[in-house]
Amino acid sequence: MVEHKARVLVVDDEENQRRGLSSLISAWGYEVRQAENGAKALEVMDTWPAQLVVL
């Protein structure tokens, strides 16, 4: 049985904030993707549905 990590999408227009938060959440064991705005977040969600979106 393969265990899947929960998916978290971090959305922020400030790159440093987005990277820092993504790094922290990833260190907690979650699979993380990033988006710089709402439009990009919707594109990510089309192919990579996240269980949590942090805005």
PDB file of N, CA and C in Angstrom:
ATOM      1  N   MET A   1       0.842  -1.187   0.000  1.00  0.00           N
ATOM      2  CA  MET A   1       0.000   0.000   0.000  1.00  0.00           C
ATOM      3  C   MET A   1       0.889   1.253   0.000  1.00  0.00           C
ATOM      4  N   VAL A   2       0.630   2.174  -0.902  1.00  0.00           N
ATOM      5  CA  VAL A   2       1.409   3.395  -1.016  1.00  0.00           C
ATOM      6  C   VAL A   2       0.710   4.499  -0.240  1.00  0.00           C
ATOM      7  N   GLU A   3       1.449   5.143   0.647  1.00  0.00           N
ATOM      8  CA  GLU A   3       0.889   6.250   1.419  1.00  0.00           C
ATOM      9  C   GLU A   3       1.112   7.547   0.642  1.00  0.00           C
ATOM     10  N   HIS A   4       0.048   8.319   0.470  1.00  0.00           N
ATOM     11  CA  HIS A   4       0.144   9.586  -0.244  1.00  0.00           C
ATOM     12  C   HIS A   4       0.209  10.724   0.761  1.00  0.00           C
ATOM     13  N   LYS A   5       1.079  11.671   0.490  1.00  0.00           N
ATOM     14  CA  LYS A   5       1.167  12.856   1.329  1.00  0.00           C
ATOM     15  C   LYS A   5       0.012  13.790   0.991  1.00  0.00           C
ATOM     16  N   ALA A   6      -0.474  14.506   1.989  1.00  0.00           N
ATOM     17  CA  ALA A   6      -1.494  15.512   1.747  1.00  0.00           C
ATOM     18  C   ALA A   6      -0.883  16.630   0.895  1.00  0.00           C
ATOM     19  N   ARG A   7      -1.697  17.186   0.019  1.00  0.00           N
ATOM     20  CA  ARG A   7      -1.241  18.227  -0.903  1.00  0.00           C
ATOM     21  C   ARG A   7      -1.662  19.600  -0.411  1.00  0.00           C
ATOM     22  N   VAL A   8      -0.706  20.529  -0.441  1.00  0.00           N
ATOM     23  CA  VAL A   8      -0.957  21.906  -0.012  1.00  0.00           C
ATOM     24  C   VAL A   8      -0.504  22.838  -1.132  1.00  0.00           C
ATOM     25  N   LEU A   9      -1.385  23.743  -1.514  1.00  0.00           N
ATOM     26  CA  LEU A   9      -1.062  24.757  -2.516  1.00  0.00           C
ATOM     27  C   LEU A   9      -0.888  26.090  -1.804  1.00  0.00           C
ATOM     28  N   VAL A  10       0.279  26.699  -1.967  1.00  0.00           N
ATOM     29  CA  VAL A  10       0.575  27.996  -1.355  1.00  0.00           C
ATOM     30  C   VAL A  10       0.456  29.064  -2.440  1.00  0.00           C
ATOM     31  N   VAL A  11      -0.402  30.051  -2.199  1.00  0.00           N
ATOM     32  CA  VAL A  11      -0.642  31.122  -3.178  1.00  0.00           C
ATOM     33  C   VAL A  11      -0.284  32.452  -2.533  1.00  0.00           C
ATOM     34  N   ASP A  12       0.682  33.153  -3.115  1.00  0.00           N
ATOM     35  CA  ASP A  12       1.083  34.472  -2.611  1.00  0.00           C
ATOM     36  C   ASP A  12       1.826  35.197  -3.721  1.00  0.00           C
ATOM     37  N   ASP A  13       1.577  36.490  -3.856  1.00  0.00           N
ATOM     38  CA  ASP A  13       2.251  37.242  -4.907  1.00  0.00           C
ATOM     39  C   ASP A  13       3.676  37.626  -4.521  1.00  0.00           C
ATOM     40  N   GLU A  14       4.020  37.532  -3.255  1.00  0.00           N
ATOM     41  CA  GLU A  14       5.386  37.798  -2.796  1.00  0.00           C
ATOM     42  C   GLU A  14       6.200  36.506  -2.837  1.00  0.00           C
ATOM     43  N   GLU A  15       7.177  36.457  -3.721  1.00  0.00           N
ATOM     44  CA  GLU A  15       7.948  35.225  -3.927  1.00  0.00           C
ATOM     45  C   GLU A  15       8.633  34.734  -2.660  1.00  0.00           C
ATOM     46  N   ASN A  16       9.241  35.643  -1.894  1.00  0.00           N
ATOM     47  CA  ASN A  16       9.940  35.222  -0.677  1.00  0.00           C
ATOM     48  C   ASN A  16       8.976  34.617   0.338  1.00  0.00           C
ATOM     49  N   GLN A  17       7.802  35.191   0.479  1.00  0.00           N
ATOM     50  CA  GLN A  17       6.794  34.654   1.394  1.00  0.00           C
ATOM     51  C   GLN A  17       6.345  33.273   0.936  1.00  0.00           C
ATOM     52  N   ARG A  18       6.093  33.164  -0.356  1.00  0.00           N
ATOM     53  CA  ARG A  18       5.625  31.907  -0.941  1.00  0.00           C
ATOM     54  C   ARG A  18       6.666  30.805  -0.760  1.00  0.00           C
ATOM     55  N   ARG A  19       7.915  31.115  -1.032  1.00  0.00           N
ATOM     56  CA  ARG A  19       8.988  30.127  -0.893  1.00  0.00           C
ATOM     57  C   ARG A  19       9.199  29.718   0.558  1.00  0.00           C
ATOM     58  N   GLY A  20       9.219  30.700   1.452  1.00  0.00           N
ATOM     59  CA  GLY A  20       9.443  30.408   2.867  1.00  0.00           C
ATOM     60  C   GLY A  20       8.350  29.538   3.455  1.00  0.00           C
ATOM     61  N   LEU A  21       7.112  29.877   3.179  1.00  0.00           N
ATOM     62  CA  LEU A  21       5.989  29.095   3.692  1.00  0.00           C
ATOM     63  C   LEU A  21       5.971  27.704   3.073  1.00  0.00           C
ATOM     64  N   SER A  22       6.263  27.618   1.800  1.00  0.00           N
ATOM     65  CA  SER A  22       6.304  26.318   1.124  1.00  0.00           C
ATOM     66  C   SER A  22       7.382  25.422   1.730  1.00  0.00           C
ATOM     67  N   SER A  23       8.529  26.005   2.018  1.00  0.00           N
ATOM     68  CA  SER A  23       9.624  25.252   2.612  1.00  0.00           C
ATOM     69  C   SER A  23       9.235  24.722   3.996  1.00  0.00           C
ATOM     70  N   LEU A  24       8.611  25.556   4.779  1.00  0.00           N
ATOM     71  CA  LEU A  24       8.175  25.150   6.114  1.00  0.00           C
ATOM     72  C   LEU A  24       7.150  24.025   6.045  1.00  0.00           C
ATOM     73  N   ILE A  25       6.143  24.179   5.209  1.00  0.00           N
ATOM     74  CA  ILE A  25       5.096  23.165   5.089  1.00  0.00           C
ATOM     75  C   ILE A  25       5.663  21.863   4.544  1.00  0.00           C
ATOM     76  N   SER A  26       6.580  21.958   3.609  1.00  0.00           N
ATOM     77  CA  SER A  26       7.234  20.772   3.062  1.00  0.00           C
ATOM     78  C   SER A  26       8.029  20.030   4.137  1.00  0.00           C
ATOM     79  N   ALA A  27       8.685  20.769   5.013  1.00  0.00           N
ATOM     80  CA  ALA A  27       9.454  20.161   6.101  1.00  0.00           C
ATOM     81  C   ALA A  27       8.545  19.402   7.059  1.00  0.00           C
ATOM     82  N   TRP A  28       7.287  19.769   7.127  1.00  0.00           N
ATOM     83  CA  TRP A  28       6.315  19.068   7.970  1.00  0.00           C
ATOM     84  C   TRP A  28       5.830  17.777   7.320  1.00  0.00           C
ATOM     85  N   GLY A  29       6.261  17.511   6.081  1.00  0.00           N
ATOM     86  CA  GLY A  29       5.928  16.256   5.425  1.00  0.00           C
ATOM     87  C   GLY A  29       4.828  16.332   4.384  1.00  0.00           C
ATOM     88  N   TYR A  30       4.401  17.525   4.024  1.00  0.00           N
ATOM     89  CA  TYR A  30       3.356  17.690   3.024  1.00  0.00           C
ATOM     90  C   TYR A  30       3.963  17.875   1.643  1.00  0.00           C
ATOM     91  N   GLU A  31       3.201  17.510   0.621  1.00  0.00           N
ATOM     92  CA  GLU A  31       3.581  17.786  -0.765  1.00  0.00           C
ATOM     93  C   GLU A  31       3.079  19.186  -1.090  1.00  0.00           C
ATOM     94  N   VAL A  32       3.959  20.051  -1.565  1.00  0.00           N
ATOM     95  CA  VAL A  32       3.617  21.471  -1.736  1.00  0.00           C
ATOM     96  C   VAL A  32       3.854  21.917  -3.167  1.00  0.00           C
ATOM     97  N   ARG A  33       2.923  22.704  -3.669  1.00  0.00           N
ATOM     98  CA  ARG A  33       3.090  23.424  -4.935  1.00  0.00           C
ATOM     99  C   ARG A  33       2.825  24.895  -4.651  1.00  0.00           C
ATOM    100  N   GLN A  34       3.260  25.738  -5.575  1.00  0.00           N
ATOM    101  CA  GLN A  34       3.124  27.182  -5.398  1.00  0.00           C
ATOM    102  C   GLN A  34       2.431  27.820  -6.596  1.00  0.00           C
ATOM    103  N   ALA A  35       1.767  28.935  -6.320  1.00  0.00           N
ATOM    104  CA  ALA A  35       1.179  29.753  -7.380  1.00  0.00           C
ATOM    105  C   ALA A  35       1.309  31.211  -6.966  1.00  0.00           C
ATOM    106  N   GLU A  36       1.535  32.080  -7.954  1.00  0.00           N
ATOM    107  CA  GLU A  36       1.757  33.495  -7.653  1.00  0.00           C
ATOM    108  C   GLU A  36       0.492  34.334  -7.620  1.00  0.00           C
ATOM    109  N   ASN A  37      -0.621  33.769  -8.094  1.00  0.00           N
ATOM    110  CA  ASN A  37      -1.883  34.509  -8.057  1.00  0.00           C
ATOM    111  C   ASN A  37      -3.049  33.531  -8.209  1.00  0.00           C
ATOM    112  N   GLY A  38      -4.255  34.057  -8.119  1.00  0.00           N
ATOM    113  CA  GLY A  38      -5.439  33.208  -8.188  1.00  0.00           C
ATOM    114  C   GLY A  38      -5.596  32.472  -9.507  1.00  0.00           C
ATOM    115  N   ALA A  39      -5.292  33.141 -10.600  1.00  0.00           N
ATOM    116  CA  ALA A  39      -5.409  32.499 -11.916  1.00  0.00           C
ATOM    117  C   ALA A  39      -4.454  31.309 -12.026  1.00  0.00           C
ATOM    118  N   LYS A  40      -3.226  31.504 -11.578  1.00  0.00           N
ATOM    119  CA  LYS A  40      -2.244  30.408 -11.612  1.00  0.00           C
ATOM    120  C   LYS A  40      -2.663  29.285 -10.662  1.00  0.00           C
ATOM    121  N   ALA A  41      -3.240  29.642  -9.530  1.00  0.00           N
ATOM    122  CA  ALA A  41      -3.702  28.630  -8.569  1.00  0.00           C
ATOM    123  C   ALA A  41      -4.786  27.750  -9.197  1.00  0.00           C
ATOM    124  N   LEU A  42      -5.693  28.345  -9.935  1.00  0.00           N
ATOM    125  CA  LEU A  42      -6.741  27.570 -10.600  1.00  0.00           C
ATOM    126  C   LEU A  42      -6.141  26.636 -11.646  1.00  0.00           C
ATOM    127  N   GLU A  43      -5.118  27.096 -12.355  1.00  0.00           N
ATOM    128  CA  GLU A  43      -4.441  26.239 -13.336  1.00  0.00           C
ATOM    129  C   GLU A  43      -3.796  25.037 -12.647  1.00  0.00           C
ATOM    130  N   VAL A  44      -3.143  25.282 -11.515  1.00  0.00           N
ATOM    131  CA  VAL A  44      -2.509  24.189 -10.767  1.00  0.00           C
ATOM    132  C   VAL A  44      -3.566  23.201 -10.306  1.00  0.00           C
ATOM    133  N   MET A  45      -4.676  23.708  -9.793  1.00  0.00           N
ATOM    134  CA  MET A  45      -5.728  22.846  -9.250  1.00  0.00           C
ATOM    135  C   MET A  45      -6.380  21.978 -10.327  1.00  0.00           C
ATOM    136  N   ASP A  46      -6.305  22.389 -11.581  1.00  0.00           N
ATOM    137  CA  ASP A  46      -6.860  21.581 -12.674  1.00  0.00           C
ATOM    138  C   ASP A  46      -6.150  20.236 -12.800  1.00  0.00           C
ATOM    139  N   THR A  47      -4.849  20.238 -12.575  1.00  0.00           N
ATOM    140  CA  THR A  47      -4.070  19.010 -12.759  1.00  0.00           C
ATOM    141  C   THR A  47      -3.511  18.439 -11.468  1.00  0.00           C
ATOM    142  N   TRP A  48      -3.582  19.190 -10.385  1.00  0.00           N
ATOM    143  CA  TRP A  48      -2.992  18.784  -9.111  1.00  0.00           C
ATOM    144  C   TRP A  48      -3.909  19.250  -7.977  1.00  0.00           C
ATOM    145  N   PRO A  49      -5.011  18.529  -7.743  1.00  0.00           N
ATOM    146  CA  PRO A  49      -5.966  18.971  -6.727  1.00  0.00           C
ATOM    147  C   PRO A  49      -5.371  18.895  -5.311  1.00  0.00           C
ATOM    148  N   ALA A  50      -5.341  20.021  -4.643  1.00  0.00           N
ATOM    149  CA  ALA A  50      -4.796  20.111  -3.284  1.00  0.00           C
ATOM    150  C   ALA A  50      -5.911  19.924  -2.260  1.00  0.00           C
ATOM    151  N   GLN A  51      -5.541  19.388  -1.106  1.00  0.00           N
ATOM    152  CA  GLN A  51      -6.491  19.255  -0.013  1.00  0.00           C
ATOM    153  C   GLN A  51      -6.590  20.567   0.783  1.00  0.00           C
ATOM    154  N   LEU A  52      -5.569  21.406   0.685  1.00  0.00           N
ATOM    155  CA  LEU A  52      -5.550  22.676   1.417  1.00  0.00           C
ATOM    156  C   LEU A  52      -4.900  23.736   0.542  1.00  0.00           C
ATOM    157  N   VAL A  53      -5.494  24.927   0.540  1.00  0.00           N
ATOM    158  CA  VAL A  53      -4.908  26.065  -0.163  1.00  0.00           C
ATOM    159  C   VAL A  53      -4.647  27.154   0.872  1.00  0.00           C
ATOM    160  N   VAL A  54      -3.394  27.612   0.951  1.00  0.00           N
ATOM    161  CA  VAL A  54      -3.010  28.668   1.864  1.00  0.00           C
ATOM    162  C   VAL A  54      -2.842  29.936   1.042  1.00  0.00           C
ATOM    163  N   LEU A  55      -3.601  30.969   1.412  1.00  0.00           N
ATOM    164  CA  LEU A  55      -3.566  32.231   0.669  1.00  0.00           C
ATOM    165  C   LEU A  55      -2.925  33.323   1.519  1.00  0.00           C
TER     166      LEU A  55
END
